[in-house]
Amino acid sequence: MAFNPLQEKGVPLEKQLRNWSELNQTPYDTHSVHPYTRCRIIAMNGIEVESIIFGHQYHRHTADMDLRRQLAMVRRIEQQQQKAVGALIPGEETTLEVTIGYEQVAVDLTAWVAQSEPNAYAKQCYDFGLLEDFDHLYRYANLLDLTSPRKAAELVGQLTEITPGRPTFMEHRHPFDDVRKPLAKDGDPLSLMHAMTITAAEQQTMNFYMNMANRFIEPVARGLYTEIAEIEEQHVTQYGSLLPPDCTWAEMLVQHEYNECYMYWSFMQNEDDSRVKALWELHLNFEIEHLRQACEIMKKVDGKDPEAMLPKELPEPVKFQSNKEYVRKVLGSQVNLTAKETEFLPMDSLDKNFRYFGYRDAVNGNVPAPTEAIINEHRQREGSDYRLETEGPHPVDWLRQQQAAE
């Protein structure tokens, strides 16, 4: 059913404040929660964090005291929303188990966005990053199998395969080659919302790994998080550079609030957990008012009509779904790609003196990369690596399962 948040009446801002018991939500049951409910919670937490960080940046780049106060008020409500969403993740879910959830979000959200993306260049960016997050899921699943009785297959509900993507040690590129061409400011609004959503999700993952790598005792685990955290930096650079750089602060504020409406509305359409669905609906009603206020700010600061840059109704809802066939298709055709400046090309087409090889040699050094070390250790201890290949053998011959050497 068509939905336009600009035509809806939200909850007045002064009625949005909640007390501590309302924010300290009862967590989901880690053994019965649907994997995609977990994914929606993780993704929505990242969207809220991005909105808060953006609000702080806008606050620091305006001298208008009335505007700063207005931004502070909305930002406080956004903080409360983030606390309520984040509280749904239970403490008994270990850091590594939550990490498996982060990577399932990265795989299935990026795959959905890629298949829905109207801009061919942006779609290629999503396909490219998809294979790297897919590989990260595989590496962390092997660490989980070595350190916990719980299997990654249980966490992902067998909705997402666990098998190598583009091997992580091959993903390390010179920073120059992770900067992409920006989308046009007046292009398809859906492309902009996709870029904002994936940037927020990857930024959350980057921040999580940056802060959690040193919380492990095992050197192989610390190394694994450190290496993959560097790739998340590359991904935030890639997706963030898709965002149009010529938008005003007020325009970006409207875009953030509109995208939050879109995400809460989308997740409300697909959520099976009635308690979580009620939270999505509540926050949607809050965000409708945040959007209204952002539109008033844009009219005042820029003298422009926000409706001229926004869709007449929300697009088809963002949906977490199993994307096994799509991921295998991309794997089979793009696993050997890398980047050169803003374009993608096969690794074997690069000149041997190109900066990609020098950078990769510098960071990987003369010892196995941690993402390779964890697989080698699993093979030595268990005879083979940990995989969940529900659709048959790996679509790429050289990435098919190997046994440990006798």
Protein backbone atom coordinates (compact mmCIF):
# COMPACT_ATOMS: atom_id res chain seq x y z
CA MET A 1 0.00 0.00 0.00
CA ALA A 2 1.32 3.44 -0.93
CA PHE A 3 2.80 5.35 1.99
CA ASN A 4 4.08 8.94 1.99
CA PRO A 5 5.55 9.98 5.36
CA LEU A 6 5.18 13.64 4.36
CA GLN A 7 1.41 13.22 4.44
CA GLU A 8 1.27 11.36 7.77
CA LYS A 9 0.91 12.81 11.23
CA GLY A 10 3.61 11.73 13.64
CA VAL A 11 4.00 11.97 17.40
CA PRO A 12 4.74 15.53 18.66
CA LEU A 13 8.38 15.83 19.72
CA GLU A 14 7.56 16.76 23.32
CA LYS A 15 5.69 13.44 23.69
CA GLN A 16 8.56 11.29 22.40
CA LEU A 17 10.71 11.20 25.54
CA ARG A 18 10.69 7.80 27.28
CA ASN A 19 11.87 6.64 30.70
CA TRP A 20 14.64 4.17 31.44
CA SER A 21 12.39 1.13 31.71
CA GLU A 22 10.97 1.87 28.26
CA LEU A 23 14.45 2.10 26.78
CA ASN A 24 15.85 -0.94 28.58
CA GLN A 25 13.90 -3.35 26.37
CA THR A 26 13.71 -7.07 27.16
CA PRO A 27 16.19 -8.77 24.78
CA TYR A 28 15.14 -11.41 22.32
CA ASP A 29 15.78 -15.09 23.08
CA THR A 30 19.02 -15.88 21.29
CA HIS A 31 17.97 -19.49 20.61
CA SER A 32 14.50 -18.80 19.19
CA VAL A 33 14.84 -15.41 17.47
CA HIS A 34 14.43 -15.48 13.70
CA PRO A 35 17.79 -14.69 12.03
CA TYR A 36 16.22 -11.89 10.01
CA THR A 37 14.66 -10.30 13.11
CA ARG A 38 18.23 -10.21 14.47
CA CYS A 39 19.38 -8.72 11.16
CA ARG A 40 16.72 -6.02 11.19
CA ILE A 41 17.70 -5.05 14.74
CA ILE A 42 21.38 -4.83 13.82
CA ALA A 43 20.67 -2.86 10.65
CA MET A 44 18.31 -0.44 12.39
CA ASN A 45 20.82 0.16 15.16
CA GLY A 46 23.34 1.16 12.47
CA ILE A 47 20.83 3.52 10.83
CA GLU A 48 20.20 5.22 14.17
CA VAL A 49 23.91 5.54 14.94
CA GLU A 50 24.52 7.15 11.54
CA SER A 51 21.69 9.63 12.14
CA ILE A 52 23.14 10.58 15.51
CA ILE A 53 26.67 11.03 14.17
CA PHE A 54 25.35 13.13 11.29
CA GLY A 55 23.35 15.26 13.73
CA HIS A 56 26.51 15.99 15.72
CA GLN A 57 28.38 16.97 12.55
CA TYR A 58 25.60 19.33 11.45
CA HIS A 59 25.57 20.83 14.96
CA ARG A 60 29.31 21.55 14.67
CA HIS A 61 28.92 23.21 11.28
CA THR A 62 26.28 25.82 12.02
CA ALA A 63 26.40 28.96 14.17
CA ASP A 64 22.60 29.28 14.34
CA MET A 65 21.86 28.70 18.04
CA ASP A 66 18.16 28.02 17.54
CA LEU A 67 19.00 25.41 14.91
CA ARG A 68 21.62 23.85 17.17
CA ARG A 69 19.04 23.51 19.94
CA GLN A 70 16.52 21.96 17.56
CA LEU A 71 19.11 19.49 16.31
CA ALA A 72 20.06 18.66 19.91
CA MET A 73 16.46 17.88 20.81
CA VAL A 74 15.87 15.56 17.86
CA ARG A 75 19.27 13.96 18.37
CA ARG A 76 18.39 13.16 21.99
CA ILE A 77 15.28 11.34 20.81
CA GLU A 78 17.35 9.48 18.20
CA GLN A 79 19.69 8.43 21.01
CA GLN A 80 16.73 7.03 22.91
CA GLN A 81 15.60 5.16 19.81
CA GLN A 82 19.06 3.67 19.40
CA LYS A 83 19.12 2.58 23.03
CA ALA A 84 15.74 0.85 22.69
CA VAL A 85 16.83 -0.94 19.50
CA GLY A 86 20.26 -1.91 20.80
CA ALA A 87 18.80 -3.26 24.04
CA LEU A 88 17.03 -6.00 22.06
CA ILE A 89 20.38 -7.80 21.57
CA PRO A 90 20.91 -10.09 24.61
CA GLY A 91 24.07 -10.04 26.69
CA GLU A 92 24.42 -13.81 26.51
CA GLU A 93 25.01 -13.55 22.78
CA THR A 94 28.79 -13.45 22.55
CA THR A 95 30.74 -10.88 20.58
CA LEU A 96 31.51 -13.50 17.96
CA GLU A 97 27.87 -14.60 17.70
CA VAL A 98 26.81 -10.97 17.21
CA THR A 99 29.56 -10.68 14.60
CA ILE A 100 27.98 -13.52 12.62
CA GLY A 101 24.78 -11.47 12.68
CA TYR A 102 26.62 -8.37 11.44
CA GLU A 103 28.02 -10.29 8.48
CA GLN A 104 24.67 -11.88 7.65
CA VAL A 105 23.25 -8.34 7.56
CA ALA A 106 26.07 -7.29 5.24
CA VAL A 107 25.48 -10.21 2.87
CA ASP A 108 21.71 -10.27 2.62
CA LEU A 109 21.08 -6.52 2.86
CA THR A 110 23.72 -5.76 0.24
CA ALA A 111 22.42 -8.54 -2.02
CA TRP A 112 18.87 -7.18 -1.77
CA VAL A 113 20.04 -3.63 -2.47
CA ALA A 114 22.12 -4.77 -5.47
CA GLN A 115 19.12 -6.51 -7.01
CA SER A 116 16.90 -3.45 -6.42
CA GLU A 117 19.41 -0.77 -7.45
CA PRO A 118 18.42 1.27 -10.57
CA ASN A 119 21.90 2.75 -11.13
CA ALA A 120 24.24 0.33 -12.96
CA TYR A 121 27.44 1.75 -11.47
CA ALA A 122 26.11 1.66 -7.91
CA LYS A 123 24.89 -1.90 -8.45
CA GLN A 124 28.41 -2.91 -9.48
CA CYS A 125 29.76 -1.35 -6.27
CA TYR A 126 27.31 -3.40 -4.19
CA ASP A 127 28.10 -6.63 -6.04
CA PHE A 128 31.79 -5.98 -5.52
CA GLY A 129 31.49 -5.40 -1.77
CA LEU A 130 29.01 -8.26 -1.37
CA LEU A 131 31.61 -10.91 -2.19
CA GLU A 132 33.97 -9.49 0.42
CA ASP A 133 31.44 -9.49 3.27
CA PHE A 134 30.42 -12.98 2.19
CA ASP A 135 34.02 -14.09 2.72
CA HIS A 136 34.14 -12.40 6.14
CA LEU A 137 31.13 -14.44 7.26
CA TYR A 138 33.01 -17.61 6.31
CA ARG A 139 36.15 -16.59 8.24
CA TYR A 140 34.27 -15.68 11.41
CA ALA A 141 32.20 -18.88 11.18
CA ASN A 142 35.42 -20.90 11.24
CA LEU A 143 36.61 -19.01 14.32
CA LEU A 144 33.26 -19.66 16.01
CA ASP A 145 33.51 -23.37 15.23
CA LEU A 146 36.94 -23.54 16.87
CA THR A 147 35.98 -21.62 20.02
CA SER A 148 32.32 -22.38 20.72
CA PRO A 149 29.94 -25.34 20.71
CA ARG A 150 27.44 -23.20 18.81
CA LYS A 151 27.50 -23.40 15.02
CA ALA A 152 27.15 -20.48 12.62
CA ALA A 153 24.52 -22.48 10.70
CA GLU A 154 22.21 -22.15 13.69
CA LEU A 155 22.73 -18.38 13.86
CA VAL A 156 22.05 -17.75 10.17
CA GLY A 157 19.20 -20.26 10.11
CA GLN A 158 20.63 -21.81 6.95
CA LEU A 159 19.19 -18.79 5.10
CA THR A 160 22.67 -17.63 4.09
CA GLU A 161 25.40 -19.95 2.83
CA ILE A 162 28.79 -19.97 4.53
CA THR A 163 31.62 -20.58 2.09
CA PRO A 164 34.51 -18.53 0.67
CA GLY A 165 33.84 -15.33 -1.22
CA ARG A 166 36.61 -13.15 -2.62
CA PRO A 167 39.39 -14.24 -0.22
CA THR A 168 40.03 -11.48 2.28
CA PHE A 169 43.80 -11.44 1.79
CA MET A 170 43.08 -10.41 -1.82
CA GLU A 171 40.75 -7.57 -0.79
CA HIS A 172 43.44 -5.23 0.51
CA ARG A 173 43.65 -2.34 -1.96
CA HIS A 174 45.49 0.95 -1.99
CA PRO A 175 43.21 3.66 -0.52
CA PHE A 176 43.13 5.48 -3.88
CA ASP A 177 41.28 2.53 -5.37
CA ASP A 178 38.38 2.44 -2.93
CA VAL A 179 37.07 5.90 -3.86
CA ARG A 180 34.04 5.63 -6.14
CA LYS A 181 32.20 8.06 -8.39
CA PRO A 182 29.41 9.89 -6.51
CA LEU A 183 25.77 9.59 -7.44
CA ALA A 184 24.05 12.60 -8.98
CA LYS A 185 22.25 14.79 -6.46
CA ASP A 186 19.15 14.89 -8.66
CA GLY A 187 19.28 11.17 -9.57
CA ASP A 188 16.89 8.43 -8.50
CA PRO A 189 16.06 8.92 -4.77
CA LEU A 190 16.12 5.16 -4.29
CA SER A 191 19.81 5.07 -5.22
CA LEU A 192 20.54 7.70 -2.60
CA MET A 193 18.62 5.77 0.06
CA HIS A 194 20.44 2.57 -0.85
CA ALA A 195 23.82 4.30 -0.50
CA MET A 196 22.85 5.84 2.84
CA THR A 197 21.59 2.51 4.17
CA ILE A 198 24.64 0.46 3.18
CA THR A 199 27.04 3.17 4.34
CA ALA A 200 25.35 3.21 7.75
CA ALA A 201 25.43 -0.59 8.02
CA GLU A 202 29.09 -0.83 7.04
CA GLN A 203 30.04 2.08 9.29
CA GLN A 204 28.45 0.32 12.26
CA THR A 205 30.39 -2.85 11.45
CA MET A 206 33.64 -0.92 11.06
CA ASN A 207 33.14 0.77 14.45
CA PHE A 208 32.22 -2.52 16.13
CA TYR A 209 35.34 -4.28 14.90
CA MET A 210 37.55 -1.29 15.69
CA ASN A 211 36.47 -1.51 19.32
CA MET A 212 36.20 -5.28 19.73
CA ALA A 213 39.42 -6.63 18.19
CA ASN A 214 41.32 -6.19 21.46
CA ARG A 215 38.66 -7.92 23.59
CA PHE A 216 39.76 -11.40 22.54
CA ILE A 217 42.49 -13.43 24.22
CA GLU A 218 43.37 -15.73 21.32
CA PRO A 219 45.94 -14.10 18.98
CA VAL A 220 44.27 -15.62 15.92
CA ALA A 221 40.95 -13.99 16.88
CA ARG A 222 42.56 -10.61 17.56
CA GLY A 223 44.30 -10.80 14.20
CA LEU A 224 41.13 -11.84 12.38
CA TYR A 225 39.15 -8.85 13.68
CA THR A 226 42.04 -6.50 12.99
CA GLU A 227 42.35 -7.61 9.37
CA ILE A 228 38.64 -7.57 8.59
CA ALA A 229 38.22 -4.20 10.34
CA GLU A 230 40.59 -2.75 7.74
CA ILE A 231 38.36 -4.03 4.95
CA GLU A 232 35.35 -2.46 6.65
CA GLU A 233 37.22 0.86 6.48
CA GLN A 234 37.60 0.27 2.76
CA HIS A 235 33.90 -0.48 2.44
CA VAL A 236 32.84 2.67 4.29
CA THR A 237 35.10 4.63 1.94
CA GLN A 238 33.54 2.92 -1.09
CA TYR A 239 29.90 3.33 -0.13
CA GLY A 240 30.31 6.74 1.47
CA SER A 241 31.88 8.08 -1.70
CA LEU A 242 28.67 7.23 -3.59
CA LEU A 243 26.83 9.91 -1.61
CA PRO A 244 26.44 13.21 -3.54
CA PRO A 245 29.01 15.69 -2.16
CA ASP A 246 27.08 18.78 -3.31
CA CYS A 247 24.08 18.44 -0.97
CA THR A 248 23.58 21.14 1.66
CA TRP A 249 23.52 20.25 5.35
CA ALA A 250 19.77 20.83 5.45
CA GLU A 251 19.24 18.60 2.41
CA MET A 252 21.28 15.85 4.03
CA LEU A 253 19.23 16.19 7.21
CA VAL A 254 16.01 15.68 5.26
CA GLN A 255 17.53 12.71 3.44
CA HIS A 256 18.53 11.08 6.73
CA GLU A 257 15.09 11.49 8.26
CA TYR A 258 13.34 10.30 5.12
CA ASN A 259 15.56 7.23 4.94
CA GLU A 260 14.84 6.43 8.59
CA CYS A 261 11.12 6.57 7.83
CA TYR A 262 11.72 4.25 4.89
CA MET A 263 13.69 1.73 6.92
CA TYR A 264 11.30 1.60 9.89
CA TRP A 265 8.33 1.34 7.54
CA SER A 266 10.07 -1.40 5.53
CA PHE A 267 10.94 -3.48 8.57
CA MET A 268 7.45 -3.06 9.97
CA GLN A 269 6.09 -4.71 6.79
CA ASN A 270 8.22 -7.81 7.19
CA GLU A 271 8.60 -8.29 10.95
CA ASP A 272 7.05 -11.45 12.43
CA ASP A 273 7.93 -10.71 16.06
CA SER A 274 4.94 -8.70 17.32
CA ARG A 275 6.92 -6.96 20.08
CA VAL A 276 9.69 -5.88 17.74
CA LYS A 277 7.17 -4.86 15.09
CA ALA A 278 5.46 -2.59 17.63
CA LEU A 279 8.81 -0.88 18.24
CA TRP A 280 9.33 -0.35 14.51
CA GLU A 281 5.86 1.22 14.28
CA LEU A 282 6.45 3.48 17.29
CA HIS A 283 9.76 4.72 15.92
CA LEU A 284 8.24 5.27 12.49
CA ASN A 285 5.68 7.59 14.06
CA PHE A 286 8.50 9.42 15.82
CA GLU A 287 10.51 9.71 12.60
CA ILE A 288 7.56 11.18 10.69
CA GLU A 289 7.73 14.15 13.06
CA HIS A 290 11.53 14.34 12.75
CA LEU A 291 11.11 14.46 8.99
CA ARG A 292 8.52 17.23 9.23
CA GLN A 293 10.91 19.30 11.35
CA ALA A 294 13.81 18.63 8.98
CA CYS A 295 11.69 19.82 6.07
CA GLU A 296 10.91 23.05 7.93
CA ILE A 297 14.63 23.54 8.58
CA MET A 298 15.41 23.07 4.88
CA LYS A 299 12.74 25.57 3.87
CA LYS A 300 14.13 28.11 6.33
CA VAL A 301 17.86 27.57 5.77
CA ASP A 302 17.95 26.80 2.03
CA GLY A 303 14.72 28.42 0.89
CA LYS A 304 13.82 25.24 -1.01
CA ASP A 305 10.86 22.89 -1.05
CA PRO A 306 11.97 19.44 0.27
CA GLU A 307 9.12 17.68 -1.49
CA ALA A 308 10.71 18.53 -4.84
CA MET A 309 13.61 16.15 -4.09
CA LEU A 310 11.65 13.37 -2.38
CA PRO A 311 9.53 10.55 -3.89
CA LYS A 312 5.75 10.90 -3.83
CA GLU A 313 5.62 7.64 -1.87
CA LEU A 314 8.06 5.21 -0.30
CA PRO A 315 9.58 2.62 -2.67
CA GLU A 316 9.05 -1.11 -2.26
CA PRO A 317 10.09 -2.08 1.28
CA VAL A 318 13.62 -3.20 2.03
CA LYS A 319 13.44 -6.92 2.70
CA PHE A 320 15.72 -9.44 4.33
CA GLN A 321 15.46 -12.61 2.29
CA SER A 322 17.61 -15.57 1.34
CA ASN A 323 19.85 -14.63 -1.61
CA LYS A 324 21.77 -17.85 -2.17
CA GLU A 325 21.21 -18.06 -5.91
CA TYR A 326 22.12 -14.41 -6.47
CA VAL A 327 25.29 -14.60 -4.36
CA ARG A 328 26.43 -17.72 -6.23
CA LYS A 329 25.81 -15.96 -9.55
CA VAL A 330 27.94 -12.98 -8.52
CA LEU A 331 30.61 -15.29 -7.11
CA GLY A 332 30.86 -17.19 -10.37
CA SER A 333 31.33 -14.05 -12.45
CA GLN A 334 33.08 -11.50 -10.23
CA VAL A 335 35.29 -13.23 -7.66
CA ASN A 336 38.46 -12.26 -9.55
CA LEU A 337 37.65 -8.55 -9.75
CA THR A 338 39.55 -5.76 -8.03
CA ALA A 339 39.41 -1.98 -8.35
CA LYS A 340 41.55 0.56 -10.17
CA GLU A 341 40.55 4.09 -9.24
CA THR A 342 36.77 4.22 -9.78
CA GLU A 343 36.43 1.14 -12.00
CA PHE A 344 36.42 -2.64 -11.52
CA LEU A 345 38.51 -5.06 -13.54
CA PRO A 346 40.06 -8.54 -13.34
CA MET A 347 43.12 -8.82 -11.12
CA ASP A 348 45.10 -10.55 -13.86
CA SER A 349 44.65 -7.50 -16.11
CA LEU A 350 46.66 -5.26 -13.78
CA ASP A 351 50.24 -4.34 -14.53
CA LYS A 352 52.55 -6.21 -12.14
CA ASN A 353 53.88 -2.86 -10.88
CA PHE A 354 50.42 -1.46 -10.06
CA ARG A 355 50.04 -0.15 -6.51
CA TYR A 356 47.55 -2.93 -5.59
CA PHE A 357 50.35 -5.49 -5.37
CA GLY A 358 52.70 -3.28 -3.38
CA TYR A 359 49.98 -2.39 -0.90
CA ARG A 360 48.88 -6.02 -0.52
CA ASP A 361 52.44 -7.18 0.05
CA ALA A 362 53.00 -4.45 2.64
CA VAL A 363 49.98 -5.31 4.79
CA ASN A 364 50.14 -9.09 4.41
CA GLY A 365 53.90 -9.23 4.99
CA ASN A 366 55.76 -12.51 4.98
CA VAL A 367 53.37 -14.41 7.27
CA PRO A 368 49.90 -15.81 6.50
CA ALA A 369 47.16 -13.22 6.76
CA PRO A 370 44.97 -13.83 9.85
CA THR A 371 42.02 -14.63 7.60
CA GLU A 372 44.06 -17.44 6.05
CA ALA A 373 45.57 -18.52 9.38
CA ILE A 374 42.13 -19.24 10.86
CA ILE A 375 41.25 -21.52 7.93
CA ASN A 376 44.60 -23.30 8.13
CA GLU A 377 44.11 -23.86 11.86
CA HIS A 378 40.62 -25.23 11.34
CA ARG A 379 41.85 -27.62 8.67
CA GLN A 380 44.65 -28.86 10.90
CA ARG A 381 42.37 -29.41 13.89
CA GLU A 382 39.19 -30.63 12.17
CA GLY A 383 40.45 -32.01 8.85
CA SER A 384 38.68 -29.40 6.72
CA ASP A 385 37.27 -25.90 6.96
CA TYR A 386 33.78 -25.09 8.26
CA ARG A 387 31.19 -24.49 5.54
CA LEU A 388 27.45 -24.39 4.99
CA GLU A 389 26.92 -25.13 1.30
CA THR A 390 23.23 -25.93 0.97
CA GLU A 391 23.08 -25.41 -2.79
CA GLY A 392 25.87 -27.76 -3.85
CA PRO A 393 29.65 -27.43 -4.37
CA HIS A 394 31.21 -23.97 -4.50
CA PRO A 395 30.56 -22.32 -7.89
CA VAL A 396 34.27 -21.44 -8.25
CA ASP A 397 36.56 -24.45 -8.77
CA TRP A 398 39.62 -23.09 -6.95
CA LEU A 399 37.56 -22.21 -3.87
CA ARG A 400 36.09 -25.69 -3.40
CA GLN A 401 36.68 -27.46 -0.11
CA GLN A 402 40.13 -28.85 0.61
CA GLN A 403 41.18 -31.38 3.19
CA ALA A 404 44.11 -30.89 5.52
CA ALA A 405 47.45 -32.17 4.26
CA GLU A 406 48.39 -35.60 5.67
